[in-house]
């Protein structure tokens, strides 16, 4: 799994360097995500969630990242959330990773986040802000602390090389159509 996520990282870095990573879900990146998701499904079928005791800290985190990146496969993410929650309760996974997966699923379904971990461009295109919103912001600090996440930063600088979408409304319509097409909504 560590090799699989390394391929993801290498592809992401290469596509980010030429700017094409930020112009929608790049087909090459999607292919890596789908290949890794298929491989992880085989692992899940054989051994269940690959926790720390079985694959080490790096392997367990790689498994989570593979799921987190498999955005075109809603049933995989939804199916892995209870497995990851159980693993975290048993000390076999990072509770912060559970929070990020839960937020990824919620945002993809069009629901508010619980932990504020998923970001996208601000309306003015100058910063990255939480997507869809964060429920009960008055208790967010406690929720984040309970899973080992640092205090919330509501506005972050964009990733190096990223440019805001030229037409924000068109991008949001494209993202909504994609979410419907792959089964998030």
C-alpha atoms as a PDB file:
ATOM      1  CA  UNK A   1       0.000   0.000   0.000  1.00  0.00           C
ATOM      2  CA  UNK A   2       2.908   2.309   0.634  1.00  0.00           C
ATOM      3  CA  UNK A   3       4.077   1.777  -2.963  1.00  0.00           C
ATOM      4  CA  UNK A   4       0.558   2.401  -4.222  1.00  0.00           C
ATOM      5  CA  UNK A   5       0.223   5.723  -2.420  1.00  0.00           C
ATOM      6  CA  UNK A   6       3.735   6.671  -3.574  1.00  0.00           C
ATOM      7  CA  UNK A   7       2.481   6.333  -7.160  1.00  0.00           C
ATOM      8  CA  UNK A   8      -0.427   8.609  -6.225  1.00  0.00           C
ATOM      9  CA  UNK A   9       2.000  11.161  -4.751  1.00  0.00           C
ATOM     10  CA  UNK A  10       4.305  11.046  -7.773  1.00  0.00           C
ATOM     11  CA  UNK A  11       1.420  11.511 -10.204  1.00  0.00           C
ATOM     12  CA  UNK A  12      -0.073  14.331  -8.122  1.00  0.00           C
ATOM     13  CA  UNK A  13       3.280  16.156  -7.905  1.00  0.00           C
ATOM     14  CA  UNK A  14       3.927  15.844 -11.649  1.00  0.00           C
ATOM     15  CA  UNK A  15       0.453  17.081 -12.583  1.00  0.00           C
ATOM     16  CA  UNK A  16       0.672  19.909 -10.034  1.00  0.00           C
ATOM     17  CA  UNK A  17       3.970  21.092 -11.535  1.00  0.00           C
ATOM     18  CA  UNK A  18       2.401  21.615 -14.954  1.00  0.00           C
ATOM     19  CA  UNK A  19      -0.830  23.035 -13.463  1.00  0.00           C
ATOM     20  CA  UNK A  20      -3.106  20.383 -14.964  1.00  0.00           C
ATOM     21  CA  UNK A  21      -3.952  18.844 -11.576  1.00  0.00           C
ATOM     22  CA  UNK A  22      -6.018  21.894 -10.669  1.00  0.00           C
ATOM     23  CA  UNK A  23      -8.173  22.015 -13.810  1.00  0.00           C
ATOM     24  CA  UNK A  24     -10.730  19.424 -12.670  1.00  0.00           C
ATOM     25  CA  UNK A  25     -10.367  15.735 -11.851  1.00  0.00           C
ATOM     26  CA  UNK A  26      -7.456  14.838 -14.107  1.00  0.00           C
ATOM     27  CA  UNK A  27      -8.062  11.514 -15.943  1.00  0.00           C
ATOM     28  CA  UNK A  28      -4.575  10.242 -15.096  1.00  0.00           C
ATOM     29  CA  UNK A  29      -5.087  11.006 -11.401  1.00  0.00           C
ATOM     30  CA  UNK A  30      -8.486   9.324 -11.504  1.00  0.00           C
ATOM     31  CA  UNK A  31      -6.932   6.215 -13.088  1.00  0.00           C
ATOM     32  CA  UNK A  32      -4.383   5.967 -10.258  1.00  0.00           C
ATOM     33  CA  UNK A  33      -7.131   6.408  -7.664  1.00  0.00           C
ATOM     34  CA  UNK A  34      -9.316   3.719  -9.244  1.00  0.00           C
ATOM     35  CA  UNK A  35      -6.404   1.266  -9.579  1.00  0.00           C
ATOM     36  CA  UNK A  36      -5.427   1.786  -5.943  1.00  0.00           C
ATOM     37  CA  UNK A  37      -9.052   1.457  -4.823  1.00  0.00           C
ATOM     38  CA  UNK A  38      -9.349  -1.883  -6.640  1.00  0.00           C
ATOM     39  CA  UNK A  39      -6.172  -3.111  -4.955  1.00  0.00           C
ATOM     40  CA  UNK A  40      -7.401  -1.984  -1.541  1.00  0.00           C
ATOM     41  CA  UNK A  41     -10.726  -3.761  -2.072  1.00  0.00           C
ATOM     42  CA  UNK A  42      -8.750  -6.991  -2.481  1.00  0.00           C
ATOM     43  CA  UNK A  43      -6.942  -6.318   0.804  1.00  0.00           C
ATOM     44  CA  UNK A  44     -10.225  -5.529   2.558  1.00  0.00           C
ATOM     45  CA  UNK A  45     -11.773  -8.761   1.270  1.00  0.00           C
ATOM     46  CA  UNK A  46      -8.823 -10.807   2.558  1.00  0.00           C
ATOM     47  CA  UNK A  47      -8.000  -9.210   5.913  1.00  0.00           C
ATOM     48  CA  UNK A  48     -10.474  -6.422   6.693  1.00  0.00           C
ATOM     49  CA  UNK A  49      -9.158  -2.974   7.540  1.00  0.00           C
ATOM     50  CA  UNK A  50      -5.338  -3.025   7.407  1.00  0.00           C
ATOM     51  CA  UNK A  51      -4.607  -1.590  10.839  1.00  0.00           C
ATOM     52  CA  UNK A  52      -1.344  -0.613  12.495  1.00  0.00           C
ATOM     53  CA  UNK A  53      -0.620  -4.034  13.999  1.00  0.00           C
ATOM     54  CA  UNK A  54      -0.901  -5.715  10.598  1.00  0.00           C
ATOM     55  CA  UNK A  55       0.774  -3.155   8.274  1.00  0.00           C
ATOM     56  CA  UNK A  56       2.467  -0.616  10.557  1.00  0.00           C
ATOM     57  CA  UNK A  57       1.725   3.065  10.999  1.00  0.00           C
ATOM     58  CA  UNK A  58       2.788   3.986   7.445  1.00  0.00           C
ATOM     59  CA  UNK A  59       0.802   1.144   5.876  1.00  0.00           C
ATOM     60  CA  UNK A  60      -2.348   1.977   7.845  1.00  0.00           C
ATOM     61  CA  UNK A  61      -2.071   5.636   6.881  1.00  0.00           C
ATOM     62  CA  UNK A  62      -1.483   4.657   3.230  1.00  0.00           C
ATOM     63  CA  UNK A  63      -4.695   2.586   3.307  1.00  0.00           C
ATOM     64  CA  UNK A  64      -6.620   5.594   4.619  1.00  0.00           C
ATOM     65  CA  UNK A  65      -5.127   7.885   1.957  1.00  0.00           C
ATOM     66  CA  UNK A  66      -6.093   5.423  -0.780  1.00  0.00           C
ATOM     67  CA  UNK A  67      -9.694   5.514   0.449  1.00  0.00           C
ATOM     68  CA  UNK A  68      -9.621   9.284   0.934  1.00  0.00           C
ATOM     69  CA  UNK A  69      -8.449   9.773  -2.648  1.00  0.00           C
ATOM     70  CA  UNK A  70     -10.939   7.331  -4.219  1.00  0.00           C
ATOM     71  CA  UNK A  71     -13.470  10.155  -4.626  1.00  0.00           C
ATOM     72  CA  UNK A  72     -15.106   8.562  -7.662  1.00  0.00           C
ATOM     73  CA  UNK A  73     -16.111   5.496  -5.623  1.00  0.00           C
ATOM     74  CA  UNK A  74     -18.741   6.562  -3.073  1.00  0.00           C
ATOM     75  CA  UNK A  75     -19.582   3.041  -1.900  1.00  0.00           C
ATOM     76  CA  UNK A  76     -15.938   2.340  -1.067  1.00  0.00           C
ATOM     77  CA  UNK A  77     -15.663   5.487   1.063  1.00  0.00           C
ATOM     78  CA  UNK A  78     -19.004   4.876   2.759  1.00  0.00           C
ATOM     79  CA  UNK A  79     -18.134   1.213   3.377  1.00  0.00           C
ATOM     80  CA  UNK A  80     -14.704   2.003   4.789  1.00  0.00           C
ATOM     81  CA  UNK A  81     -15.903   4.625   7.274  1.00  0.00           C
ATOM     82  CA  UNK A  82     -17.268   2.120   9.838  1.00  0.00           C
ATOM     83  CA  UNK A  83     -14.209  -0.101   9.338  1.00  0.00           C
ATOM     84  CA  UNK A  84     -11.904   2.841  10.001  1.00  0.00           C
ATOM     85  CA  UNK A  85     -14.006   3.997  12.960  1.00  0.00           C
ATOM     86  CA  UNK A  86     -13.730   0.530  14.519  1.00  0.00           C
ATOM     87  CA  UNK A  87      -9.991   0.426  13.833  1.00  0.00           C
ATOM     88  CA  UNK A  88      -9.518   3.841  15.484  1.00  0.00           C
ATOM     89  CA  UNK A  89     -11.533   2.732  18.531  1.00  0.00           C
ATOM     90  CA  UNK A  90      -9.155  -0.248  18.826  1.00  0.00           C
ATOM     91  CA  UNK A  91      -6.023   1.919  18.419  1.00  0.00           C
ATOM     92  CA  UNK A  92      -5.398   0.538  14.916  1.00  0.00           C
ATOM     93  CA  UNK A  93      -6.019   3.818  13.026  1.00  0.00           C
ATOM     94  CA  UNK A  94      -5.684   7.543  13.555  1.00  0.00           C
ATOM     95  CA  UNK A  95      -8.907   9.211  14.790  1.00  0.00           C
ATOM     96  CA  UNK A  96      -7.996  12.329  12.800  1.00  0.00           C
ATOM     97  CA  UNK A  97      -8.038  10.247   9.623  1.00  0.00           C
ATOM     98  CA  UNK A  98     -11.524   9.022  10.534  1.00  0.00           C
ATOM     99  CA  UNK A  99     -12.616  12.659  10.899  1.00  0.00           C
ATOM    100  CA  UNK A 100     -11.190  13.552   7.494  1.00  0.00           C
ATOM    101  CA  UNK A 101     -12.921  10.606   5.819  1.00  0.00           C
ATOM    102  CA  UNK A 102     -16.217  11.501   7.469  1.00  0.00           C
ATOM    103  CA  UNK A 103     -15.872  15.094   6.253  1.00  0.00           C
ATOM    104  CA  UNK A 104     -14.922  13.925   2.746  1.00  0.00           C
ATOM    105  CA  UNK A 105     -18.087  11.810   2.582  1.00  0.00           C
ATOM    106  CA  UNK A 106     -20.289  14.575   3.985  1.00  0.00           C
ATOM    107  CA  UNK A 107     -18.961  17.185   1.537  1.00  0.00           C
ATOM    108  CA  UNK A 108     -19.330  14.779  -1.378  1.00  0.00           C
ATOM    109  CA  UNK A 109     -22.948  14.195  -0.373  1.00  0.00           C
ATOM    110  CA  UNK A 110     -23.529  17.955  -0.112  1.00  0.00           C
ATOM    111  CA  UNK A 111     -23.749  17.958   3.682  1.00  0.00           C
ATOM    112  CA  UNK A 112     -21.940  20.177   6.180  1.00  0.00           C
ATOM    113  CA  UNK A 113     -18.655  18.971   7.647  1.00  0.00           C
ATOM    114  CA  UNK A 114     -18.192  18.019  11.306  1.00  0.00           C
ATOM    115  CA  UNK A 115     -14.442  18.729  11.581  1.00  0.00           C
ATOM    116  CA  UNK A 116     -13.692  21.343   8.907  1.00  0.00           C
ATOM    117  CA  UNK A 117     -11.042  19.341   7.050  1.00  0.00           C
ATOM    118  CA  UNK A 118     -12.134  19.752   3.395  1.00  0.00           C
ATOM    119  CA  UNK A 119     -11.262  22.991   1.618  1.00  0.00           C
ATOM    120  CA  UNK A 120     -11.880  24.661  -1.734  1.00  0.00           C
ATOM    121  CA  UNK A 121     -11.524  28.124  -3.215  1.00  0.00           C
ATOM    122  CA  UNK A 122     -13.136  31.102  -1.503  1.00  0.00           C
ATOM    123  CA  UNK A 123     -15.684  33.056  -3.525  1.00  0.00           C
ATOM    124  CA  UNK A 124     -13.119  35.773  -4.233  1.00  0.00           C
ATOM    125  CA  UNK A 125     -10.463  33.224  -5.275  1.00  0.00           C
ATOM    126  CA  UNK A 126      -7.860  34.426  -2.769  1.00  0.00           C
ATOM    127  CA  UNK A 127      -7.854  31.587  -0.234  1.00  0.00           C
ATOM    128  CA  UNK A 128      -8.973  28.067   0.552  1.00  0.00           C
ATOM    129  CA  UNK A 129     -12.005  27.830   2.862  1.00  0.00           C
ATOM    130  CA  UNK A 130     -14.085  24.946   4.273  1.00  0.00           C
ATOM    131  CA  UNK A 131     -16.393  23.431   1.666  1.00  0.00           C
ATOM    132  CA  UNK A 132     -20.162  23.342   2.228  1.00  0.00           C
ATOM    133  CA  UNK A 133     -19.780  24.764   5.750  1.00  0.00           C
ATOM    134  CA  UNK A 134     -19.099  23.323   9.190  1.00  0.00           C
ATOM    135  CA  UNK A 135     -21.897  22.327  11.520  1.00  0.00           C
ATOM    136  CA  UNK A 136     -21.981  23.722  15.070  1.00  0.00           C
ATOM    137  CA  UNK A 137     -18.864  25.894  14.710  1.00  0.00           C
ATOM    138  CA  UNK A 138     -19.135  26.865  18.389  1.00  0.00           C
ATOM    139  CA  UNK A 139     -18.081  23.320  19.367  1.00  0.00           C
ATOM    140  CA  UNK A 140     -15.665  22.702  16.484  1.00  0.00           C
ATOM    141  CA  UNK A 141     -12.537  23.237  18.580  1.00  0.00           C
ATOM    142  CA  UNK A 142     -13.614  20.478  20.995  1.00  0.00           C
ATOM    143  CA  UNK A 143     -14.460  18.041  18.193  1.00  0.00           C
ATOM    144  CA  UNK A 144     -11.136  18.647  16.483  1.00  0.00           C
ATOM    145  CA  UNK A 145      -9.167  18.295  19.720  1.00  0.00           C
ATOM    146  CA  UNK A 146     -10.973  15.022  20.546  1.00  0.00           C
ATOM    147  CA  UNK A 147      -9.575  13.434  17.354  1.00  0.00           C
ATOM    148  CA  UNK A 148      -6.129  15.019  17.546  1.00  0.00           C
ATOM    149  CA  UNK A 149      -6.625  17.699  14.876  1.00  0.00           C
ATOM    150  CA  UNK A 150      -5.027  21.113  15.385  1.00  0.00           C
ATOM    151  CA  UNK A 151      -7.123  24.257  15.897  1.00  0.00           C
ATOM    152  CA  UNK A 152      -9.178  25.322  12.888  1.00  0.00           C
ATOM    153  CA  UNK A 153      -7.729  27.712  10.337  1.00  0.00           C
ATOM    154  CA  UNK A 154     -10.695  29.140   8.432  1.00  0.00           C
ATOM    155  CA  UNK A 155      -8.728  30.640   5.523  1.00  0.00           C
ATOM    156  CA  UNK A 156      -5.639  28.962   4.095  1.00  0.00           C
ATOM    157  CA  UNK A 157      -3.323  29.955   1.276  1.00  0.00           C
ATOM    158  CA  UNK A 158      -3.889  28.060  -1.972  1.00  0.00           C
ATOM    159  CA  UNK A 159      -1.552  25.194  -2.894  1.00  0.00           C
ATOM    160  CA  UNK A 160       1.562  26.241  -4.812  1.00  0.00           C
ATOM    161  CA  UNK A 161       0.821  26.451  -8.531  1.00  0.00           C
ATOM    162  CA  UNK A 162      -2.954  26.408  -8.066  1.00  0.00           C
ATOM    163  CA  UNK A 163      -5.079  29.103  -9.657  1.00  0.00           C
ATOM    164  CA  UNK A 164      -8.709  29.784  -8.809  1.00  0.00           C
ATOM    165  CA  UNK A 165     -11.250  28.663 -11.395  1.00  0.00           C
ATOM    166  CA  UNK A 166     -11.861  31.215 -14.123  1.00  0.00           C
ATOM    167  CA  UNK A 167     -15.613  30.639 -13.822  1.00  0.00           C
ATOM    168  CA  UNK A 168     -16.521  29.579 -10.292  1.00  0.00           C
ATOM    169  CA  UNK A 169     -20.199  28.954 -11.094  1.00  0.00           C
ATOM    170  CA  UNK A 170     -19.320  26.717 -14.052  1.00  0.00           C
ATOM    171  CA  UNK A 171     -16.861  24.783 -11.908  1.00  0.00           C
ATOM    172  CA  UNK A 172     -19.445  24.259  -9.187  1.00  0.00           C
ATOM    173  CA  UNK A 173     -21.999  23.085 -11.760  1.00  0.00           C
ATOM    174  CA  UNK A 174     -19.409  20.673 -13.162  1.00  0.00           C
ATOM    175  CA  UNK A 175     -18.609  19.358  -9.677  1.00  0.00           C
ATOM    176  CA  UNK A 176     -22.320  18.873  -8.922  1.00  0.00           C
ATOM    177  CA  UNK A 177     -22.875  17.009 -12.198  1.00  0.00           C
ATOM    178  CA  UNK A 178     -19.863  14.796 -11.469  1.00  0.00           C
ATOM    179  CA  UNK A 179     -21.145  14.054  -7.924  1.00  0.00           C
ATOM    180  CA  UNK A 180     -24.493  12.959  -9.360  1.00  0.00           C
ATOM    181  CA  UNK A 181     -22.874  10.907 -12.129  1.00  0.00           C
ATOM    182  CA  UNK A 182     -20.659   8.865  -9.777  1.00  0.00           C
ATOM    183  CA  UNK A 183     -23.381   8.364  -7.157  1.00  0.00           C
ATOM    184  CA  UNK A 184     -22.670  10.828  -4.374  1.00  0.00           C
ATOM    185  CA  UNK A 185     -26.073  12.457  -4.764  1.00  0.00           C
END
